[in-house]
């Protein structure tokens, strides 16, 4: 394991890019008037993800993990599946 890898959680060799948010809308650009499933990422979220990705080789598997309060999680899962997203989503939940 390299020094940079020690700063991130992993799952079966996959680097986890984890974000803990209060609401799912934090990850999206609030000035983008597009519908939810077409919104651009917030510039700060995009920079955070990009900086982490650049620390690793292109072949390194990575997964974005979004941690949300439990009350937010149900709505997000519904929106993702209703929106027809062709992906596996890993959305954790936390309580305060």
N, C-alpha and C. Protein backbone atom coordinates (compact mmCIF):
# COMPACT_ATOMS: atom_id res chain seq x y z
N UNK A 1 0.85 -1.17 0.00
CA UNK A 1 0.00 0.00 0.00
C UNK A 1 0.90 1.24 0.00
N UNK A 2 0.62 2.18 -0.91
CA UNK A 2 1.41 3.41 -0.97
C UNK A 2 0.97 4.37 0.12
N UNK A 3 1.78 5.41 0.33
CA UNK A 3 1.46 6.39 1.36
C UNK A 3 0.13 7.08 1.09
N UNK A 4 -0.15 7.41 -0.15
CA UNK A 4 -1.42 8.09 -0.49
C UNK A 4 -2.61 7.17 -0.24
N UNK A 5 -2.45 5.88 -0.51
CA UNK A 5 -3.54 4.93 -0.31
C UNK A 5 -3.92 4.79 1.16
N UNK A 6 -2.98 5.07 2.05
CA UNK A 6 -3.25 4.96 3.47
C UNK A 6 -4.29 5.99 3.94
N UNK A 7 -4.51 7.02 3.15
CA UNK A 7 -5.46 8.09 3.52
C UNK A 7 -6.89 7.80 3.09
N UNK A 8 -7.10 6.71 2.37
CA UNK A 8 -8.43 6.40 1.84
C UNK A 8 -8.86 5.00 2.26
N UNK A 9 -10.16 4.85 2.46
CA UNK A 9 -10.71 3.52 2.69
C UNK A 9 -10.70 2.77 1.38
N UNK A 10 -10.61 1.45 1.47
CA UNK A 10 -10.64 0.62 0.27
C UNK A 10 -11.65 -0.51 0.48
N UNK A 11 -12.07 -1.07 -0.64
CA UNK A 11 -12.97 -2.22 -0.63
C UNK A 11 -12.52 -3.16 -1.73
N UNK A 12 -11.93 -4.29 -1.35
CA UNK A 12 -11.42 -5.26 -2.31
C UNK A 12 -10.48 -4.63 -3.34
N UNK A 13 -9.58 -3.76 -2.88
CA UNK A 13 -8.61 -3.12 -3.77
C UNK A 13 -9.13 -1.89 -4.49
N UNK A 14 -10.38 -1.54 -4.28
CA UNK A 14 -10.97 -0.36 -4.91
C UNK A 14 -10.89 0.81 -3.94
N UNK A 15 -10.35 1.93 -4.40
CA UNK A 15 -10.27 3.14 -3.58
C UNK A 15 -11.67 3.74 -3.46
N UNK A 16 -12.06 4.09 -2.24
CA UNK A 16 -13.37 4.70 -2.02
C UNK A 16 -13.21 6.21 -1.90
N UNK A 17 -13.86 6.94 -2.80
CA UNK A 17 -13.91 8.40 -2.72
C UNK A 17 -15.19 8.72 -1.96
N UNK A 18 -15.05 9.04 -0.68
CA UNK A 18 -16.22 9.18 0.19
C UNK A 18 -16.55 10.65 0.45
N UNK A 19 -17.84 10.94 0.42
CA UNK A 19 -18.34 12.27 0.71
C UNK A 19 -19.50 12.15 1.69
N UNK A 20 -19.44 12.92 2.76
CA UNK A 20 -20.52 12.94 3.75
C UNK A 20 -21.28 14.25 3.56
N UNK A 21 -22.53 14.16 3.15
CA UNK A 21 -23.34 15.33 2.83
C UNK A 21 -24.57 15.42 3.74
N UNK A 22 -25.08 16.62 3.92
CA UNK A 22 -26.34 16.81 4.66
C UNK A 22 -27.54 16.58 3.76
N UNK A 23 -27.37 16.90 2.48
CA UNK A 23 -28.43 16.72 1.49
C UNK A 23 -27.78 16.39 0.15
N UNK A 24 -28.46 15.63 -0.66
CA UNK A 24 -27.90 15.23 -1.95
C UNK A 24 -27.65 16.44 -2.84
N UNK A 25 -28.40 17.51 -2.65
CA UNK A 25 -28.25 18.68 -3.51
C UNK A 25 -26.90 19.37 -3.30
N UNK A 26 -26.20 19.08 -2.22
CA UNK A 26 -24.88 19.68 -1.99
C UNK A 26 -23.88 19.31 -3.08
N UNK A 27 -24.07 18.19 -3.70
CA UNK A 27 -23.11 17.74 -4.71
C UNK A 27 -23.36 18.39 -6.08
N UNK A 28 -24.52 19.02 -6.24
CA UNK A 28 -24.88 19.62 -7.52
C UNK A 28 -24.71 21.13 -7.51
N UNK A 29 -24.50 21.69 -8.69
CA UNK A 29 -24.36 23.13 -8.86
C UNK A 29 -25.73 23.77 -8.63
N UNK A 30 -25.84 24.60 -7.61
CA UNK A 30 -27.13 25.21 -7.26
C UNK A 30 -27.60 26.23 -8.30
N UNK A 31 -26.71 26.71 -9.16
CA UNK A 31 -27.09 27.68 -10.18
C UNK A 31 -27.55 27.02 -11.48
N UNK A 32 -27.41 25.70 -11.57
CA UNK A 32 -27.81 24.96 -12.77
C UNK A 32 -29.31 24.74 -12.73
N UNK A 33 -30.06 25.30 -13.69
CA UNK A 33 -31.53 25.17 -13.68
C UNK A 33 -32.04 23.84 -14.25
N UNK A 34 -31.14 22.96 -14.67
CA UNK A 34 -31.55 21.69 -15.28
C UNK A 34 -32.31 20.82 -14.29
N UNK A 35 -33.10 19.87 -14.81
CA UNK A 35 -33.74 18.89 -13.92
C UNK A 35 -32.69 18.13 -13.13
N UNK A 36 -33.10 17.57 -12.01
CA UNK A 36 -32.20 16.90 -11.07
C UNK A 36 -31.21 15.97 -11.75
N UNK A 37 -31.70 15.08 -12.60
CA UNK A 37 -30.83 14.05 -13.18
C UNK A 37 -29.91 14.58 -14.29
N UNK A 38 -30.02 15.87 -14.63
CA UNK A 38 -29.15 16.45 -15.66
C UNK A 38 -28.24 17.55 -15.11
N UNK A 39 -28.31 17.80 -13.82
CA UNK A 39 -27.53 18.88 -13.22
C UNK A 39 -26.03 18.62 -13.28
N UNK A 40 -25.27 19.72 -13.37
CA UNK A 40 -23.81 19.65 -13.29
C UNK A 40 -23.40 19.48 -11.83
N UNK A 41 -22.24 18.90 -11.63
CA UNK A 41 -21.69 18.81 -10.28
C UNK A 41 -21.31 20.19 -9.78
N UNK A 42 -21.38 20.37 -8.48
CA UNK A 42 -20.90 21.59 -7.85
C UNK A 42 -19.40 21.69 -8.15
N UNK A 43 -18.88 22.88 -8.47
CA UNK A 43 -17.46 23.00 -8.79
C UNK A 43 -16.54 22.49 -7.67
N UNK A 44 -16.91 22.70 -6.41
CA UNK A 44 -16.08 22.20 -5.31
C UNK A 44 -16.09 20.68 -5.24
N UNK A 45 -17.25 20.07 -5.47
CA UNK A 45 -17.34 18.61 -5.47
C UNK A 45 -16.53 18.03 -6.63
N UNK A 46 -16.65 18.66 -7.79
CA UNK A 46 -15.90 18.21 -8.96
C UNK A 46 -14.40 18.31 -8.71
N UNK A 47 -13.95 19.41 -8.11
CA UNK A 47 -12.52 19.59 -7.82
C UNK A 47 -12.04 18.54 -6.81
N UNK A 48 -12.85 18.28 -5.78
CA UNK A 48 -12.49 17.27 -4.77
C UNK A 48 -12.29 15.91 -5.41
N UNK A 49 -13.23 15.49 -6.23
CA UNK A 49 -13.15 14.19 -6.90
C UNK A 49 -11.95 14.15 -7.85
N UNK A 50 -11.79 15.20 -8.64
CA UNK A 50 -10.69 15.25 -9.61
C UNK A 50 -9.32 15.18 -8.94
N UNK A 51 -9.16 15.90 -7.82
CA UNK A 51 -7.88 15.89 -7.12
C UNK A 51 -7.53 14.50 -6.59
N UNK A 52 -8.53 13.79 -6.09
CA UNK A 52 -8.28 12.43 -5.60
C UNK A 52 -7.92 11.51 -6.75
N UNK A 53 -8.68 11.57 -7.82
CA UNK A 53 -8.46 10.70 -8.98
C UNK A 53 -7.05 10.90 -9.54
N UNK A 54 -6.58 12.14 -9.56
CA UNK A 54 -5.26 12.43 -10.13
C UNK A 54 -4.11 11.88 -9.28
N UNK A 55 -4.39 11.51 -8.04
CA UNK A 55 -3.35 10.95 -7.17
C UNK A 55 -3.06 9.48 -7.47
N UNK A 56 -3.86 8.85 -8.32
CA UNK A 56 -3.74 7.42 -8.57
C UNK A 56 -3.55 7.13 -10.05
N UNK A 57 -2.97 5.97 -10.37
CA UNK A 57 -2.85 5.57 -11.78
C UNK A 57 -4.24 5.39 -12.41
N UNK A 58 -4.31 5.57 -13.72
CA UNK A 58 -5.59 5.43 -14.43
C UNK A 58 -6.24 4.07 -14.24
N UNK A 59 -5.42 3.04 -14.08
CA UNK A 59 -5.95 1.68 -13.96
C UNK A 59 -6.49 1.37 -12.55
N UNK A 60 -6.30 2.26 -11.59
CA UNK A 60 -6.74 2.03 -10.22
C UNK A 60 -8.27 2.08 -10.14
N UNK A 61 -8.92 0.99 -9.73
CA UNK A 61 -10.37 1.03 -9.59
C UNK A 61 -10.77 1.96 -8.44
N UNK A 62 -11.83 2.75 -8.67
CA UNK A 62 -12.33 3.68 -7.67
C UNK A 62 -13.85 3.63 -7.65
N UNK A 63 -14.39 4.01 -6.51
CA UNK A 63 -15.84 4.05 -6.35
C UNK A 63 -16.18 5.29 -5.54
N UNK A 64 -17.18 6.05 -6.00
CA UNK A 64 -17.64 7.21 -5.25
C UNK A 64 -18.73 6.74 -4.30
N UNK A 65 -18.54 7.06 -3.02
CA UNK A 65 -19.49 6.67 -1.98
C UNK A 65 -20.04 7.94 -1.36
N UNK A 66 -21.36 8.09 -1.38
CA UNK A 66 -22.00 9.27 -0.80
C UNK A 66 -22.73 8.85 0.46
N UNK A 67 -22.36 9.49 1.57
CA UNK A 67 -23.02 9.24 2.85
C UNK A 67 -24.02 10.36 3.09
N UNK A 68 -25.27 10.00 3.32
CA UNK A 68 -26.35 10.96 3.54
C UNK A 68 -27.10 10.62 4.81
N UNK A 69 -27.78 11.62 5.42
CA UNK A 69 -28.67 11.29 6.53
C UNK A 69 -29.72 10.28 6.05
N UNK A 70 -30.14 9.40 6.91
CA UNK A 70 -31.09 8.35 6.51
C UNK A 70 -32.35 8.92 5.86
N UNK A 71 -32.83 10.04 6.33
CA UNK A 71 -34.05 10.61 5.76
C UNK A 71 -33.87 11.03 4.30
N UNK A 72 -32.65 11.38 3.89
CA UNK A 72 -32.36 11.79 2.51
C UNK A 72 -32.18 10.58 1.59
N UNK A 73 -31.69 9.51 2.14
CA UNK A 73 -31.30 8.35 1.34
C UNK A 73 -32.45 7.75 0.54
N UNK A 74 -33.61 7.61 1.14
CA UNK A 74 -34.75 6.98 0.46
C UNK A 74 -35.12 7.77 -0.78
N UNK A 75 -35.19 9.09 -0.68
CA UNK A 75 -35.53 9.91 -1.83
C UNK A 75 -34.52 9.82 -2.94
N UNK A 76 -33.24 9.75 -2.59
CA UNK A 76 -32.19 9.66 -3.59
C UNK A 76 -32.28 8.35 -4.35
N UNK A 77 -32.46 7.26 -3.65
CA UNK A 77 -32.56 5.96 -4.31
C UNK A 77 -33.76 5.94 -5.25
N UNK A 78 -34.88 6.49 -4.82
CA UNK A 78 -36.07 6.55 -5.67
C UNK A 78 -35.78 7.36 -6.94
N UNK A 79 -35.15 8.51 -6.80
CA UNK A 79 -34.84 9.36 -7.95
C UNK A 79 -33.89 8.66 -8.90
N UNK A 80 -32.87 8.00 -8.37
CA UNK A 80 -31.91 7.32 -9.24
C UNK A 80 -32.56 6.21 -10.04
N UNK A 81 -33.41 5.42 -9.40
CA UNK A 81 -34.05 4.33 -10.13
C UNK A 81 -35.15 4.84 -11.05
N UNK A 82 -35.91 5.84 -10.63
CA UNK A 82 -36.94 6.41 -11.51
C UNK A 82 -36.31 7.10 -12.72
N UNK A 83 -35.11 7.65 -12.51
CA UNK A 83 -34.41 8.34 -13.59
C UNK A 83 -33.72 7.40 -14.56
N UNK A 84 -33.76 6.11 -14.30
CA UNK A 84 -33.19 5.13 -15.21
C UNK A 84 -31.67 5.11 -15.22
N UNK A 85 -31.03 5.47 -14.13
CA UNK A 85 -29.57 5.48 -14.09
C UNK A 85 -29.03 4.06 -14.23
N UNK A 86 -28.17 3.82 -15.24
CA UNK A 86 -27.60 2.48 -15.44
C UNK A 86 -26.35 2.27 -14.59
N UNK A 87 -26.50 2.36 -13.28
CA UNK A 87 -25.31 2.22 -12.44
C UNK A 87 -25.68 1.55 -11.12
N UNK A 88 -24.66 1.08 -10.46
CA UNK A 88 -24.84 0.58 -9.10
C UNK A 88 -24.49 1.72 -8.18
N UNK A 89 -25.37 2.04 -7.27
CA UNK A 89 -25.15 3.17 -6.37
C UNK A 89 -24.81 2.65 -4.98
N UNK A 90 -23.82 3.25 -4.39
CA UNK A 90 -23.46 2.93 -3.02
C UNK A 90 -23.73 4.18 -2.19
N UNK A 91 -24.82 4.17 -1.48
CA UNK A 91 -25.21 5.33 -0.69
C UNK A 91 -25.37 4.90 0.74
N UNK A 92 -24.47 5.36 1.58
CA UNK A 92 -24.54 5.05 3.00
C UNK A 92 -25.48 5.99 3.71
N UNK A 93 -25.81 5.68 4.95
CA UNK A 93 -26.69 6.53 5.72
C UNK A 93 -26.14 6.68 7.11
N UNK A 94 -26.32 7.86 7.68
CA UNK A 94 -25.84 8.10 9.03
C UNK A 94 -26.90 8.84 9.82
N UNK A 95 -26.80 8.77 11.12
CA UNK A 95 -27.70 9.51 12.01
C UNK A 95 -26.84 10.41 12.89
N UNK A 96 -27.40 11.54 13.25
CA UNK A 96 -26.66 12.46 14.13
C UNK A 96 -27.14 12.32 15.55
